[in-house]
Amino acid sequence: MKKIRELAKSFIMEEDAVGVVEIILILVVLIGLVIIFKEQLTSLVKNILAKITKQSNSI
């Protein structure tokens, strides 16, 4: 019975480590995409803010 409990604990601990690795990999991919598409994202945000400013001045 003790062996089963130890195996269950080790399995649970192993799954937590996999979750952390998955989160780190997702963050790395997202950061990579932001770096790759930085210019497009900044121009998109600037255009959106310009439209918001223009429309708010007309009100």
PDB file of N, CA and C in Angstrom:
ATOM      1  N   MET A   1       0.821  -1.191   0.000  1.00  0.00           N
ATOM      2  CA  MET A   1       0.000   0.000   0.000  1.00  0.00           C
ATOM      3  C   MET A   1       0.863   1.253   0.000  1.00  0.00           C
ATOM      4  N   LYS A   2       1.997   1.180   0.684  1.00  0.00           N
ATOM      5  CA  LYS A   2       2.898   2.321   0.762  1.00  0.00           C
ATOM      6  C   LYS A   2       3.507   2.632  -0.608  1.00  0.00           C
ATOM      7  N   LYS A   3       3.802   1.572  -1.372  1.00  0.00           N
ATOM      8  CA  LYS A   3       4.362   1.772  -2.706  1.00  0.00           C
ATOM      9  C   LYS A   3       3.370   2.478  -3.618  1.00  0.00           C
ATOM     10  N   ILE A   4       2.109   2.111  -3.523  1.00  0.00           N
ATOM     11  CA  ILE A   4       1.078   2.745  -4.353  1.00  0.00           C
ATOM     12  C   ILE A   4       0.971   4.223  -4.012  1.00  0.00           C
ATOM     13  N   ARG A   5       1.008   4.533  -2.731  1.00  0.00           N
ATOM     14  CA  ARG A   5       0.924   5.925  -2.295  1.00  0.00           C
ATOM     15  C   ARG A   5       2.132   6.718  -2.815  1.00  0.00           C
ATOM     16  N   GLU A   6       3.317   6.127  -2.747  1.00  0.00           N
ATOM     17  CA  GLU A   6       4.513   6.796  -3.243  1.00  0.00           C
ATOM     18  C   GLU A   6       4.450   6.991  -4.759  1.00  0.00           C
ATOM     19  N   LEU A   7       3.953   5.989  -5.472  1.00  0.00           N
ATOM     20  CA  LEU A   7       3.807   6.116  -6.922  1.00  0.00           C
ATOM     21  C   LEU A   7       2.805   7.205  -7.281  1.00  0.00           C
ATOM     22  N   ALA A   8       1.713   7.280  -6.534  1.00  0.00           N
ATOM     23  CA  ALA A   8       0.714   8.312  -6.788  1.00  0.00           C
ATOM     24  C   ALA A   8       1.298   9.698  -6.538  1.00  0.00           C
ATOM     25  N   LYS A   9       2.055   9.848  -5.472  1.00  0.00           N
ATOM     26  CA  LYS A   9       2.679  11.144  -5.173  1.00  0.00           C
ATOM     27  C   LYS A   9       3.664  11.533  -6.275  1.00  0.00           C
ATOM     28  N   SER A  10       4.473  10.590  -6.704  1.00  0.00           N
ATOM     29  CA  SER A  10       5.451  10.911  -7.741  1.00  0.00           C
ATOM     30  C   SER A  10       4.759  11.250  -9.055  1.00  0.00           C
ATOM     31  N   PHE A  11       3.660  10.580  -9.360  1.00  0.00           N
ATOM     32  CA  PHE A  11       2.907  10.885 -10.583  1.00  0.00           C
ATOM     33  C   PHE A  11       2.326  12.284 -10.525  1.00  0.00           C
ATOM     34  N   ILE A  12       1.760  12.649  -9.383  1.00  0.00           N
ATOM     35  CA  ILE A  12       1.185  13.987  -9.235  1.00  0.00           C
ATOM     36  C   ILE A  12       2.272  15.050  -9.352  1.00  0.00           C
ATOM     37  N   MET A  13       3.406  14.826  -8.732  1.00  0.00           N
ATOM     38  CA  MET A  13       4.504  15.786  -8.802  1.00  0.00           C
ATOM     39  C   MET A  13       5.015  15.915 -10.234  1.00  0.00           C
ATOM     40  N   GLU A  14       5.057  14.810 -10.948  1.00  0.00           N
ATOM     41  CA  GLU A  14       5.521  14.823 -12.326  1.00  0.00           C
ATOM     42  C   GLU A  14       4.567  15.623 -13.207  1.00  0.00           C
ATOM     43  N   GLU A  15       3.277  15.488 -12.997  1.00  0.00           N
ATOM     44  CA  GLU A  15       2.293  16.220 -13.783  1.00  0.00           C
ATOM     45  C   GLU A  15       2.414  17.723 -13.557  1.00  0.00           C
ATOM     46  N   ASP A  16       2.694  18.145 -12.336  1.00  0.00           N
ATOM     47  CA  ASP A  16       2.876  19.568 -12.070  1.00  0.00           C
ATOM     48  C   ASP A  16       4.057  20.119 -12.853  1.00  0.00           C
ATOM     49  N   ALA A  17       5.117  19.367 -12.920  1.00  0.00           N
ATOM     50  CA  ALA A  17       6.293  19.818 -13.656  1.00  0.00           C
ATOM     51  C   ALA A  17       5.977  19.950 -15.140  1.00  0.00           C
ATOM     52  N   VAL A  18       5.195  19.055 -15.673  1.00  0.00           N
ATOM     53  CA  VAL A  18       4.810  19.136 -17.079  1.00  0.00           C
ATOM     54  C   VAL A  18       3.982  20.384 -17.315  1.00  0.00           C
ATOM     55  N   GLY A  19       3.096  20.721 -16.408  1.00  0.00           N
ATOM     56  CA  GLY A  19       2.289  21.934 -16.535  1.00  0.00           C
ATOM     57  C   GLY A  19       3.147  23.179 -16.576  1.00  0.00           C
ATOM     58  N   VAL A  20       4.170  23.229 -15.754  1.00  0.00           N
ATOM     59  CA  VAL A  20       5.072  24.384 -15.733  1.00  0.00           C
ATOM     60  C   VAL A  20       5.827  24.475 -17.053  1.00  0.00           C
ATOM     61  N   VAL A  21       6.288  23.353 -17.552  1.00  0.00           N
ATOM     62  CA  VAL A  21       7.010  23.347 -18.831  1.00  0.00           C
ATOM     63  C   VAL A  21       6.086  23.810 -19.954  1.00  0.00           C
ATOM     64  N   GLU A  22       4.850  23.374 -19.951  1.00  0.00           N
ATOM     65  CA  GLU A  22       3.900  23.794 -20.982  1.00  0.00           C
ATOM     66  C   GLU A  22       3.663  25.293 -20.928  1.00  0.00           C
ATOM     67  N   ILE A  23       3.505  25.832 -19.736  1.00  0.00           N
ATOM     68  CA  ILE A  23       3.280  27.269 -19.593  1.00  0.00           C
ATOM     69  C   ILE A  23       4.491  28.043 -20.095  1.00  0.00           C
ATOM     70  N   ILE A  24       5.683  27.580 -19.764  1.00  0.00           N
ATOM     71  CA  ILE A  24       6.903  28.255 -20.218  1.00  0.00           C
ATOM     72  C   ILE A  24       7.006  28.206 -21.741  1.00  0.00           C
ATOM     73  N   LEU A  25       6.681  27.064 -22.331  1.00  0.00           N
ATOM     74  CA  LEU A  25       6.728  26.957 -23.798  1.00  0.00           C
ATOM     75  C   LEU A  25       5.711  27.878 -24.457  1.00  0.00           C
ATOM     76  N   ILE A  26       4.522  27.975 -23.904  1.00  0.00           N
ATOM     77  CA  ILE A  26       3.503  28.880 -24.450  1.00  0.00           C
ATOM     78  C   ILE A  26       3.985  30.317 -24.368  1.00  0.00           C
ATOM     79  N   LEU A  27       4.572  30.702 -23.236  1.00  0.00           N
ATOM     80  CA  LEU A  27       5.091  32.063 -23.092  1.00  0.00           C
ATOM     81  C   LEU A  27       6.206  32.345 -24.096  1.00  0.00           C
ATOM     82  N   VAL A  28       7.077  31.378 -24.311  1.00  0.00           N
ATOM     83  CA  VAL A  28       8.166  31.556 -25.280  1.00  0.00           C
ATOM     84  C   VAL A  28       7.606  31.767 -26.683  1.00  0.00           C
ATOM     85  N   VAL A  29       6.589  30.996 -27.046  1.00  0.00           N
ATOM     86  CA  VAL A  29       5.973  31.136 -28.371  1.00  0.00           C
ATOM     87  C   VAL A  29       5.306  32.500 -28.500  1.00  0.00           C
ATOM     88  N   LEU A  30       4.576  32.921 -27.472  1.00  0.00           N
ATOM     89  CA  LEU A  30       3.904  34.230 -27.525  1.00  0.00           C
ATOM     90  C   LEU A  30       4.912  35.368 -27.624  1.00  0.00           C
ATOM     91  N   ILE A  31       5.980  35.295 -26.852  1.00  0.00           N
ATOM     92  CA  ILE A  31       7.009  36.335 -26.912  1.00  0.00           C
ATOM     93  C   ILE A  31       7.663  36.349 -28.289  1.00  0.00           C
ATOM     94  N   GLY A  32       7.896  35.173 -28.846  1.00  0.00           N
ATOM     95  CA  GLY A  32       8.456  35.092 -30.194  1.00  0.00           C
ATOM     96  C   GLY A  32       7.547  35.720 -31.230  1.00  0.00           C
ATOM     97  N   LEU A  33       6.245  35.464 -31.128  1.00  0.00           N
ATOM     98  CA  LEU A  33       5.295  36.071 -32.068  1.00  0.00           C
ATOM     99  C   LEU A  33       5.256  37.588 -31.929  1.00  0.00           C
ATOM    100  N   VAL A  34       5.318  38.072 -30.702  1.00  0.00           N
ATOM    101  CA  VAL A  34       5.324  39.522 -30.489  1.00  0.00           C
ATOM    102  C   VAL A  34       6.575  40.131 -31.097  1.00  0.00           C
ATOM    103  N   ILE A  35       7.703  39.475 -30.938  1.00  0.00           N
ATOM    104  CA  ILE A  35       8.952  39.995 -31.510  1.00  0.00           C
ATOM    105  C   ILE A  35       8.885  39.988 -33.032  1.00  0.00           C
ATOM    106  N   ILE A  36       8.342  38.927 -33.605  1.00  0.00           N
ATOM    107  CA  ILE A  36       8.267  38.814 -35.065  1.00  0.00           C
ATOM    108  C   ILE A  36       7.318  39.863 -35.644  1.00  0.00           C
ATOM    109  N   PHE A  37       6.168  40.046 -35.017  1.00  0.00           N
ATOM    110  CA  PHE A  37       5.143  40.933 -35.564  1.00  0.00           C
ATOM    111  C   PHE A  37       5.068  42.267 -34.822  1.00  0.00           C
ATOM    112  N   LYS A  38       6.189  42.708 -34.257  1.00  0.00           N
ATOM    113  CA  LYS A  38       6.211  43.932 -33.453  1.00  0.00           C
ATOM    114  C   LYS A  38       5.770  45.151 -34.262  1.00  0.00           C
ATOM    115  N   GLU A  39       6.300  45.307 -35.461  1.00  0.00           N
ATOM    116  CA  GLU A  39       5.963  46.476 -36.278  1.00  0.00           C
ATOM    117  C   GLU A  39       4.488  46.489 -36.653  1.00  0.00           C
ATOM    118  N   GLN A  40       3.960  45.349 -37.041  1.00  0.00           N
ATOM    119  CA  GLN A  40       2.551  45.289 -37.413  1.00  0.00           C
ATOM    120  C   GLN A  40       1.659  45.582 -36.211  1.00  0.00           C
ATOM    121  N   LEU A  41       2.028  45.062 -35.039  1.00  0.00           N
ATOM    122  CA  LEU A  41       1.224  45.300 -33.845  1.00  0.00           C
ATOM    123  C   LEU A  41       1.250  46.760 -33.431  1.00  0.00           C
ATOM    124  N   THR A  42       2.418  47.394 -33.490  1.00  0.00           N
ATOM    125  CA  THR A  42       2.489  48.804 -33.098  1.00  0.00           C
ATOM    126  C   THR A  42       1.715  49.686 -34.063  1.00  0.00           C
ATOM    127  N   SER A  43       1.793  49.408 -35.355  1.00  0.00           N
ATOM    128  CA  SER A  43       1.030  50.211 -36.314  1.00  0.00           C
ATOM    129  C   SER A  43      -0.468  50.001 -36.136  1.00  0.00           C
ATOM    130  N   LEU A  44      -0.879  48.782 -35.835  1.00  0.00           N
ATOM    131  CA  LEU A  44      -2.291  48.510 -35.598  1.00  0.00           C
ATOM    132  C   LEU A  44      -2.800  49.269 -34.378  1.00  0.00           C
ATOM    133  N   VAL A  45      -2.029  49.245 -33.300  1.00  0.00           N
ATOM    134  CA  VAL A  45      -2.437  49.952 -32.074  1.00  0.00           C
ATOM    135  C   VAL A  45      -2.468  51.453 -32.328  1.00  0.00           C
ATOM    136  N   LYS A  46      -1.481  51.989 -33.055  1.00  0.00           N
ATOM    137  CA  LYS A  46      -1.465  53.423 -33.358  1.00  0.00           C
ATOM    138  C   LYS A  46      -2.679  53.823 -34.188  1.00  0.00           C
ATOM    139  N   ASN A  47      -3.036  53.011 -35.171  1.00  0.00           N
ATOM    140  CA  ASN A  47      -4.209  53.306 -35.998  1.00  0.00           C
ATOM    141  C   ASN A  47      -5.483  53.287 -35.171  1.00  0.00           C
ATOM    142  N   ILE A  48      -5.610  52.307 -34.299  1.00  0.00           N
ATOM    143  CA  ILE A  48      -6.811  52.211 -33.458  1.00  0.00           C
ATOM    144  C   ILE A  48      -6.899  53.412 -32.531  1.00  0.00           C
ATOM    145  N   LEU A  49      -5.786  53.789 -31.909  1.00  0.00           N
ATOM    146  CA  LEU A  49      -5.798  54.947 -31.014  1.00  0.00           C
ATOM    147  C   LEU A  49      -6.078  56.240 -31.773  1.00  0.00           C
ATOM    148  N   ALA A  50      -5.564  56.358 -32.986  1.00  0.00           N
ATOM    149  CA  ALA A  50      -5.845  57.556 -33.792  1.00  0.00           C
ATOM    150  C   ALA A  50      -7.327  57.652 -34.116  1.00  0.00           C
ATOM    151  N   LYS A  51      -7.941  56.532 -34.486  1.00  0.00           N
ATOM    152  CA  LYS A  51      -9.382  56.535 -34.774  1.00  0.00           C
ATOM    153  C   LYS A  51     -10.197  56.881 -33.529  1.00  0.00           C
ATOM    154  N   ILE A  52      -9.795  56.343 -32.402  1.00  0.00           N
ATOM    155  CA  ILE A  52     -10.514  56.646 -31.149  1.00  0.00           C
ATOM    156  C   ILE A  52     -10.391  58.136 -30.834  1.00  0.00           C
ATOM    157  N   THR A  53      -9.203  58.682 -30.993  1.00  0.00           N
ATOM    158  CA  THR A  53      -8.994  60.112 -30.716  1.00  0.00           C
ATOM    159  C   THR A  53      -9.789  60.977 -31.673  1.00  0.00           C
ATOM    160  N   LYS A  54      -9.781  60.609 -32.949  1.00  0.00           N
ATOM    161  CA  LYS A  54     -10.525  61.404 -33.954  1.00  0.00           C
ATOM    162  C   LYS A  54     -12.030  61.359 -33.652  1.00  0.00           C
ATOM    163  N   GLN A  55     -12.552  60.191 -33.332  1.00  0.00           N
ATOM    164  CA  GLN A  55     -13.973  60.060 -33.072  1.00  0.00           C
ATOM    165  C   GLN A  55     -14.374  60.721 -31.758  1.00  0.00           C
ATOM    166  N   SER A  56     -13.488  60.711 -30.774  1.00  0.00           N
ATOM    167  CA  SER A  56     -13.824  61.353 -29.497  1.00  0.00           C
ATOM    168  C   SER A  56     -13.808  62.859 -29.635  1.00  0.00           C
ATOM    169  N   ASN A  57     -13.011  63.419 -30.559  1.00  0.00           N
ATOM    170  CA  ASN A  57     -13.001  64.856 -30.774  1.00  0.00           C
ATOM    171  C   ASN A  57     -14.259  65.320 -31.475  1.00  0.00           C
ATOM    172  N   SER A  58     -14.904  64.463 -32.246  1.00  0.00           N
ATOM    173  CA  SER A  58     -16.104  64.846 -32.962  1.00  0.00           C
ATOM    174  C   SER A  58     -17.352  64.855 -32.072  1.00  0.00           C
ATOM    175  N   ILE A  59     -17.262  64.256 -30.912  1.00  0.00           N
ATOM    176  CA  ILE A  59     -18.427  64.180 -30.009  1.00  0.00           C
ATOM    177  C   ILE A  59     -18.588  65.445 -29.237  1.00  0.00           C
TER     178      ILE A  59
END
